[in-house]
Amino acid sequence: MRKGFTTGSCAAAASKAAAYMLLSGDVKNSIRIDTPAGTVFDTPVNNITRSLDAVTCSVTKDGGDDPDVTTGTEIFVTVKKNDKASGVKIEGGEGVGVVTKPGLDQPVGEAAVNHVPREMIRDNVTEVCNLFDYTGGITVTVSVPGGEELALRTFNPRLGIEGGISIIGTSGIVEPMSESALIDTIHIELRQRKEMGFEDIVIAPGNYGQDFLKDFYGYDIDKSVKCSNYIGRTLDSVAELGFKRVLLTGHVGKLIKISGGIMNTHSSEADCRMELMAAWTLKAGGTIETATAILDCVSTEAAIEVIKTADKDLVDRAMKIAMDKMIFFMDHRLDKAAVRCGNDKPQIECIMFDNINGKLAASAGAERMLADCR
């Protein structure tokens, strides 16, 4: 799959081109920069506007084969001389978000231009200044027309970045279908909660889990963090950041996999839902016939109905066994992560549900922890 280039690379390339045109007086229709990954970014320069003391231009964001909402967006930069200062000053303009919550890459009140893109912009503009022996100051303003609307399709509003998108990228390269980007976002949200004073954290794979917390327990879901399918990696972050307790809430269709030690619940990684449900049903005293019927089911909720039909108390027993296994594996994961980080191991709690029966199982301290977290 084809790789792309980050918004940070686009901003750095446009900054270099604008600085060159400002200090040389010549038009620059294409530009090359080196990314932190070592790959050369060679791109056309668009929308050039020049005056005596400023140049504006843009570079088109190309996310490669990654389904990035910013692909095709023009990343604009205006470079101005600033004779009252020295060095390169970087600002955010239209469509670039402003940080409003702690724990992000930039301090509260700063434009959401992350530190690696800032370094890339600074290095490339400084290179041009040195080429033309310019020793005055330079102000670089990054803008993304339409960025405020684009940001609504990203994690930015939830993270506390308001008014636009972020200018991001650590390598300068976009990896298609980047799993690491999602995991990084989860870690950032957790770090935010920690810096806001949270000692305990509630996580859920997605909207189902958060809606269950809200509807069944009246919990404020804005305090929780979505972990998607990355249960294991999220628990690693929880231990690394030093939380004391963590509560996972989710639908049986995802969480039952954890009872088999599976820490990435995406179907492309593993799908043994029915096998695990059949195993715990047998262990709870169910019959071979019931287990066989479970194996023929296509959904976990259908499997629950099969168990209920055989013996209404069997569901509670089977789900209790599953929950004990889930706690065992998650506790083991947290222990390994805590030892690796030199932190105390967080306490793990869990609540599992389905959309028909509601709560199916809860660990011993789960509901008490949820009450404490309100």
Protein backbone atom coordinates (compact mmCIF):
# COMPACT_ATOMS: atom_id res chain seq x y z
CA MET A 1 0.00 0.00 0.00
CA ARG A 2 1.16 3.51 -0.85
CA LYS A 3 2.45 5.66 1.99
CA GLY A 4 1.60 9.34 2.29
CA PHE A 5 2.93 12.44 4.00
CA THR A 6 1.68 14.03 7.20
CA THR A 7 0.18 17.48 7.67
CA GLY A 8 3.47 18.27 9.43
CA SER A 9 5.47 17.44 6.31
CA CYS A 10 3.12 19.56 4.20
CA ALA A 11 3.44 22.53 6.56
CA ALA A 12 7.24 22.22 6.63
CA ALA A 13 7.47 21.98 2.84
CA ALA A 14 5.19 25.00 2.34
CA SER A 15 7.21 26.93 4.95
CA LYS A 16 10.47 26.21 3.17
CA ALA A 17 9.03 27.22 -0.21
CA ALA A 18 7.50 30.42 1.17
CA ALA A 19 10.72 31.37 2.96
CA TYR A 20 12.71 30.76 -0.22
CA MET A 21 10.39 32.95 -2.29
CA LEU A 22 10.38 35.67 0.38
CA LEU A 23 14.16 35.89 0.69
CA SER A 24 15.11 35.22 -2.95
CA GLY A 25 12.36 37.09 -4.77
CA ASP A 26 11.97 34.11 -7.11
CA VAL A 27 8.95 31.85 -7.60
CA LYS A 28 9.26 28.29 -6.32
CA ASN A 29 6.83 25.88 -7.98
CA SER A 30 8.10 22.73 -6.26
CA ILE A 31 10.01 21.95 -3.10
CA ARG A 32 11.92 19.07 -1.48
CA ILE A 33 12.39 18.38 2.22
CA ASP A 34 13.82 15.50 4.20
CA THR A 35 11.35 13.88 6.60
CA PRO A 36 12.39 12.54 10.03
CA ALA A 37 11.94 9.04 8.59
CA GLY A 38 14.65 9.78 6.01
CA THR A 39 12.25 9.83 3.06
CA VAL A 40 12.43 12.80 0.70
CA PHE A 41 9.15 14.69 0.25
CA ASP A 42 9.11 16.27 -3.21
CA THR A 43 5.89 18.18 -3.83
CA PRO A 44 4.36 20.91 -6.01
CA VAL A 45 3.79 24.31 -4.43
CA ASN A 46 0.32 25.79 -4.93
CA ASN A 47 -1.65 29.01 -4.39
CA ILE A 48 1.37 31.33 -4.35
CA THR A 49 0.74 34.93 -3.23
CA ARG A 50 3.68 37.32 -2.80
CA SER A 51 4.22 40.78 -1.33
CA LEU A 52 7.29 42.74 -0.22
CA ASP A 53 7.34 41.34 3.32
CA ALA A 54 5.31 38.13 3.12
CA VAL A 55 4.68 35.07 0.97
CA THR A 56 1.77 32.63 1.20
CA CYS A 57 1.63 29.24 -0.51
CA SER A 58 0.17 25.79 0.05
CA VAL A 59 0.96 22.10 -0.30
CA THR A 60 -1.71 19.47 -0.92
CA LYS A 61 -2.00 16.81 1.78
CA ASP A 62 -1.59 13.30 0.33
CA GLY A 63 -2.32 10.54 2.83
CA GLY A 64 -1.42 7.76 0.42
CA ASP A 65 -3.72 4.76 0.80
CA ASP A 66 -4.63 5.71 4.37
CA PRO A 67 -8.30 6.79 4.74
CA ASP A 68 -7.26 10.14 6.18
CA VAL A 69 -9.93 12.86 6.33
CA THR A 70 -7.30 15.51 5.53
CA THR A 71 -6.22 13.94 2.22
CA GLY A 72 -6.67 16.48 -0.57
CA THR A 73 -6.70 19.40 1.85
CA GLU A 74 -4.47 22.41 1.15
CA ILE A 75 -2.07 23.16 4.01
CA PHE A 76 -1.32 26.89 3.74
CA VAL A 77 1.64 28.75 5.22
CA THR A 78 2.34 32.46 5.35
CA VAL A 79 5.94 33.47 6.02
CA LYS A 80 6.67 37.05 7.10
CA LYS A 81 9.82 38.90 8.07
CA ASN A 82 9.92 39.93 11.71
CA ASP A 83 12.80 42.37 12.21
CA LYS A 84 11.85 42.94 15.86
CA ALA A 85 12.78 39.39 16.82
CA SER A 86 15.17 36.61 15.94
CA GLY A 87 14.60 32.98 15.06
CA VAL A 88 11.46 31.32 13.74
CA LYS A 89 8.10 31.92 15.44
CA ILE A 90 5.29 29.47 14.58
CA GLU A 91 1.61 30.34 14.87
CA GLY A 92 -1.71 28.75 13.99
CA GLY A 93 -4.15 30.46 11.67
CA GLU A 94 -7.58 29.65 10.26
CA GLY A 95 -8.57 26.00 10.57
CA VAL A 96 -5.73 25.01 12.92
CA GLY A 97 -6.99 23.99 16.34
CA VAL A 98 -6.13 25.50 19.70
CA VAL A 99 -5.27 23.30 22.69
CA THR A 100 -7.79 23.74 25.54
CA LYS A 101 -6.99 20.76 27.79
CA PRO A 102 -3.73 19.68 29.46
CA GLY A 103 -1.82 16.52 28.56
CA LEU A 104 -1.46 17.12 24.83
CA ASP A 105 1.68 17.67 22.79
CA GLN A 106 1.42 21.47 23.18
CA PRO A 107 0.46 23.56 26.25
CA VAL A 108 -3.05 24.91 26.75
CA GLY A 109 -3.60 28.00 24.62
CA GLU A 110 -1.07 27.05 21.94
CA ALA A 111 -1.87 26.21 18.33
CA ALA A 112 -2.15 22.45 17.77
CA VAL A 113 1.06 22.26 15.77
CA ASN A 114 2.91 19.36 17.38
CA HIS A 115 6.56 19.49 18.35
CA VAL A 116 7.97 17.41 15.48
CA PRO A 117 6.25 19.51 12.78
CA ARG A 118 7.44 22.61 14.65
CA GLU A 119 11.01 21.29 14.50
CA MET A 120 10.62 20.46 10.81
CA ILE A 121 9.28 23.96 10.04
CA ARG A 122 11.99 25.62 12.08
CA ASP A 123 14.80 23.54 10.55
CA ASN A 124 13.68 24.08 6.96
CA VAL A 125 13.09 27.82 7.35
CA THR A 126 16.42 28.23 9.15
CA GLU A 127 18.14 26.38 6.28
CA VAL A 128 16.74 28.93 3.83
CA CYS A 129 17.66 31.88 6.07
CA ASN A 130 21.25 30.62 6.25
CA LEU A 131 21.32 30.22 2.46
CA PHE A 132 20.54 33.93 2.02
CA ASP A 133 22.43 35.18 5.11
CA TYR A 134 19.20 36.46 6.65
CA THR A 135 19.58 37.03 10.41
CA GLY A 136 16.25 38.65 11.23
CA GLY A 137 13.18 36.95 12.61
CA ILE A 138 10.61 34.96 10.67
CA THR A 139 6.97 34.37 11.59
CA VAL A 140 5.33 31.27 10.12
CA THR A 141 1.53 31.01 10.25
CA VAL A 142 -0.01 27.65 9.34
CA SER A 143 -3.63 27.68 8.11
CA VAL A 144 -6.08 25.09 6.84
CA PRO A 145 -9.20 26.58 5.22
CA GLY A 146 -12.09 24.29 6.10
CA GLY A 147 -10.11 22.80 8.98
CA GLU A 148 -12.79 23.54 11.57
CA GLU A 149 -15.30 21.36 9.70
CA LEU A 150 -12.70 18.64 9.08
CA ALA A 151 -11.89 18.52 12.78
CA LEU A 152 -15.42 17.36 13.57
CA ARG A 153 -14.52 14.07 11.83
CA THR A 154 -11.44 13.57 14.02
CA PHE A 155 -10.73 12.98 17.72
CA ASN A 156 -9.87 16.67 18.21
CA PRO A 157 -13.13 17.85 19.84
CA ARG A 158 -12.92 14.99 22.36
CA LEU A 159 -9.26 15.66 23.07
CA GLY A 160 -9.87 19.33 23.76
CA ILE A 161 -8.52 20.80 20.54
CA GLU A 162 -10.98 23.42 19.33
CA GLY A 163 -11.41 25.33 16.10
CA GLY A 164 -9.59 23.11 13.65
CA ILE A 165 -7.33 20.19 12.87
CA SER A 166 -3.90 19.40 14.31
CA ILE A 167 -0.65 19.63 12.38
CA ILE A 168 0.90 16.33 13.33
CA GLY A 169 3.36 13.57 12.49
CA THR A 170 6.39 12.09 14.19
CA SER A 171 8.05 10.52 11.15
CA GLY A 172 6.64 12.80 8.46
CA ILE A 173 5.17 9.73 6.78
CA VAL A 174 1.59 8.40 6.88
CA GLU A 175 1.46 4.63 7.20
CA PRO A 176 -1.71 3.24 5.55
CA MET A 177 -4.35 2.17 8.06
CA SER A 178 -2.04 3.20 10.87
CA GLU A 179 -2.78 1.20 14.01
CA SER A 180 -0.15 3.20 15.85
CA ALA A 181 -2.07 6.46 15.27
CA LEU A 182 -5.13 5.07 17.07
CA ILE A 183 -3.05 3.68 19.92
CA ASP A 184 -1.26 7.02 20.26
CA THR A 185 -4.61 8.80 20.48
CA ILE A 186 -5.81 6.44 23.22
CA HIS A 187 -2.58 7.04 25.15
CA ILE A 188 -3.01 10.81 24.81
CA GLU A 189 -6.57 10.66 26.19
CA LEU A 190 -5.41 8.56 29.13
CA ARG A 191 -2.53 10.94 29.81
CA GLN A 192 -4.95 13.86 29.77
CA ARG A 193 -7.14 12.21 32.40
CA LYS A 194 -4.07 11.52 34.55
CA GLU A 195 -2.86 15.11 34.33
CA MET A 196 -6.37 16.28 35.25
CA GLY A 197 -6.03 14.38 38.53
CA PHE A 198 -7.80 11.10 37.73
CA GLU A 199 -6.38 8.16 39.73
CA ASP A 200 -8.97 5.71 38.38
CA ILE A 201 -9.98 5.35 34.74
CA VAL A 202 -12.99 3.84 32.96
CA ILE A 203 -12.43 2.45 29.46
CA ALA A 204 -14.79 1.01 26.86
CA PRO A 205 -14.16 -0.39 23.37
CA GLY A 206 -16.74 1.89 21.79
CA ASN A 207 -20.14 3.56 21.86
CA TYR A 208 -21.99 0.44 23.07
CA GLY A 209 -19.93 0.31 26.24
CA GLN A 210 -20.21 4.03 26.89
CA ASP A 211 -23.97 4.03 26.24
CA PHE A 212 -24.40 1.11 28.66
CA LEU A 213 -22.53 3.03 31.38
CA LYS A 214 -24.73 6.06 30.79
CA ASP A 215 -28.08 4.26 30.52
CA PHE A 216 -27.61 1.52 33.13
CA TYR A 217 -25.51 3.36 35.71
CA GLY A 218 -25.99 7.05 34.90
CA TYR A 219 -22.25 7.44 34.41
CA ASP A 220 -20.83 10.55 32.72
CA ILE A 221 -19.31 8.98 29.61
CA ASP A 222 -17.13 12.04 28.96
CA LYS A 223 -14.97 10.80 31.83
CA SER A 224 -14.32 7.49 30.05
CA VAL A 225 -11.86 6.68 27.28
CA LYS A 226 -12.59 4.63 24.16
CA CYS A 227 -9.99 1.92 23.66
CA SER A 228 -11.35 0.39 20.44
CA ASN A 229 -10.07 -3.19 19.98
CA TYR A 230 -6.72 -2.45 21.64
CA ILE A 231 -7.43 -3.77 25.12
CA GLY A 232 -3.89 -4.93 25.80
CA ARG A 233 -2.16 -1.80 24.53
CA THR A 234 -4.59 0.35 26.52
CA LEU A 235 -3.85 -1.59 29.70
CA ASP A 236 -0.14 -1.09 29.02
CA SER A 237 -0.73 2.68 28.93
CA VAL A 238 -2.83 2.55 32.09
CA ALA A 239 0.04 0.89 33.95
CA GLU A 240 2.68 3.15 32.40
CA LEU A 241 0.80 6.32 33.41
CA GLY A 242 0.37 5.15 36.99
CA PHE A 243 -3.39 4.84 37.38
CA LYS A 244 -4.52 3.02 40.54
CA ARG A 245 -7.65 1.32 39.16
CA VAL A 246 -9.09 0.64 35.72
CA LEU A 247 -12.61 -0.49 34.81
CA LEU A 248 -13.36 -2.01 31.41
CA THR A 249 -16.97 -2.12 30.25
CA GLY A 250 -18.05 -3.71 27.01
CA HIS A 251 -20.34 -5.95 25.00
CA VAL A 252 -19.92 -9.70 25.39
CA GLY A 253 -19.19 -10.00 21.67
CA LYS A 254 -15.84 -8.30 22.19
CA LEU A 255 -15.00 -8.98 25.80
CA ILE A 256 -15.57 -12.74 25.69
CA LYS A 257 -12.39 -12.96 23.61
CA ILE A 258 -10.38 -11.67 26.55
CA SER A 259 -11.38 -14.78 28.50
CA GLY A 260 -9.17 -16.66 26.06
CA GLY A 261 -6.23 -14.29 26.58
CA ILE A 262 -6.90 -12.32 23.36
CA MET A 263 -5.92 -8.68 23.90
CA ASN A 264 -6.75 -7.32 20.43
CA THR A 265 -10.43 -8.04 19.89
CA HIS A 266 -10.62 -7.16 16.19
CA SER A 267 -12.10 -9.99 14.14
CA SER A 268 -9.05 -9.98 11.87
CA GLU A 269 -6.89 -10.92 14.87
CA ALA A 270 -9.03 -13.68 16.35
CA ASP A 271 -12.63 -14.82 16.54
CA CYS A 272 -13.27 -17.67 18.94
CA ARG A 273 -16.35 -16.20 20.60
CA MET A 274 -18.55 -19.26 20.26
CA GLU A 275 -15.77 -21.68 21.20
CA LEU A 276 -15.10 -19.77 24.42
CA MET A 277 -18.78 -19.42 25.28
CA ALA A 278 -19.26 -23.13 24.69
CA ALA A 279 -16.24 -23.95 26.87
CA TRP A 280 -17.40 -21.82 29.81
CA THR A 281 -20.94 -23.19 29.48
CA LEU A 282 -19.61 -26.75 29.72
CA LYS A 283 -17.47 -25.82 32.70
CA ALA A 284 -20.52 -24.24 34.35
CA GLY A 285 -22.44 -27.53 34.06
CA GLY A 286 -24.04 -27.20 30.65
CA THR A 287 -24.64 -30.18 28.40
CA ILE A 288 -22.85 -31.21 25.25
CA GLU A 289 -26.04 -30.48 23.35
CA THR A 290 -26.12 -26.89 24.63
CA ALA A 291 -22.44 -26.39 23.80
CA THR A 292 -22.98 -27.75 20.31
CA ALA A 293 -25.93 -25.40 19.78
CA ILE A 294 -23.73 -22.47 20.88
CA LEU A 295 -21.13 -23.41 18.28
CA ASP A 296 -23.81 -23.13 15.61
CA CYS A 297 -24.73 -19.56 16.63
CA VAL A 298 -23.61 -16.57 14.60
CA SER A 299 -23.78 -13.99 17.42
CA THR A 300 -23.02 -13.96 21.11
CA GLU A 301 -26.51 -12.70 21.92
CA ALA A 302 -27.98 -15.72 20.13
CA ALA A 303 -25.62 -17.91 22.15
CA ILE A 304 -26.83 -16.32 25.40
CA GLU A 305 -30.40 -17.13 24.41
CA VAL A 306 -29.41 -20.77 23.78
CA ILE A 307 -27.89 -20.97 27.27
CA LYS A 308 -30.94 -19.31 28.86
CA THR A 309 -33.26 -21.73 27.12
CA ALA A 310 -31.31 -24.68 28.53
CA ASP A 311 -31.10 -23.27 32.07
CA LYS A 312 -31.71 -19.65 33.03
CA ASP A 313 -29.17 -19.88 35.90
CA LEU A 314 -26.54 -21.32 33.58
CA VAL A 315 -25.94 -17.90 32.00
CA ASP A 316 -24.88 -16.42 35.33
CA ARG A 317 -22.55 -19.34 36.09
CA ALA A 318 -20.96 -19.38 32.64
CA MET A 319 -20.48 -15.61 32.51
CA LYS A 320 -18.99 -15.66 36.03
CA ILE A 321 -16.37 -18.16 34.82
CA ALA A 322 -15.72 -16.03 31.75
CA MET A 323 -15.34 -12.91 33.90
CA ASP A 324 -12.86 -14.63 36.23
CA LYS A 325 -10.78 -15.64 33.21
CA MET A 326 -10.92 -12.12 31.79
CA ILE A 327 -9.73 -10.62 35.07
CA PHE A 328 -6.93 -13.21 35.24
CA PHE A 329 -5.57 -12.34 31.79
CA MET A 330 -5.96 -8.57 32.16
CA ASP A 331 -4.35 -8.64 35.60
CA HIS A 332 -1.43 -10.57 34.11
CA ARG A 333 -1.07 -7.99 31.32
CA LEU A 334 -1.11 -5.12 33.82
CA ASP A 335 1.44 -6.88 36.01
CA LYS A 336 3.89 -7.24 33.12
CA ALA A 337 3.42 -3.61 32.07
CA ALA A 338 3.79 -2.30 35.63
CA VAL A 339 7.01 -4.25 36.18
CA ARG A 340 8.37 -2.94 32.89
CA CYS A 341 7.57 0.66 33.90
CA GLY A 342 8.54 0.34 37.57
CA ASN A 343 5.04 1.33 38.72
CA ASP A 344 2.55 -0.32 41.07
CA LYS A 345 0.11 -2.62 39.27
CA PRO A 346 -3.34 -1.07 38.80
CA GLN A 347 -6.40 -2.94 40.06
CA ILE A 348 -8.55 -4.23 37.19
CA GLU A 349 -12.35 -4.39 37.26
CA CYS A 350 -14.80 -5.29 34.48
CA ILE A 351 -18.49 -5.24 33.55
CA MET A 352 -19.82 -7.24 30.59
CA PHE A 353 -23.26 -6.85 29.02
CA ASP A 354 -25.35 -7.54 25.95
CA ASN A 355 -28.09 -5.49 24.28
CA ILE A 356 -30.92 -7.84 25.26
CA ASN A 357 -30.17 -8.83 28.85
CA GLY A 358 -28.14 -5.88 30.07
CA LYS A 359 -25.48 -6.76 32.63
CA LEU A 360 -24.22 -10.32 32.24
CA ALA A 361 -21.33 -10.30 34.70
CA ALA A 362 -19.28 -7.92 36.83
CA SER A 363 -16.07 -8.40 38.76
CA ALA A 364 -16.20 -8.07 42.53
CA GLY A 365 -15.22 -4.42 42.79
CA ALA A 366 -16.55 -3.10 39.48
CA GLU A 367 -19.73 -1.37 40.60
CA ARG A 368 -18.10 0.12 43.68
CA MET A 369 -15.32 1.55 41.50
CA LEU A 370 -17.86 2.98 39.05
CA ALA A 371 -19.67 4.68 41.93
CA ASP A 372 -16.36 6.13 43.15
CA CYS A 373 -15.59 7.48 39.67
CA ARG A 374 -18.75 9.56 39.32
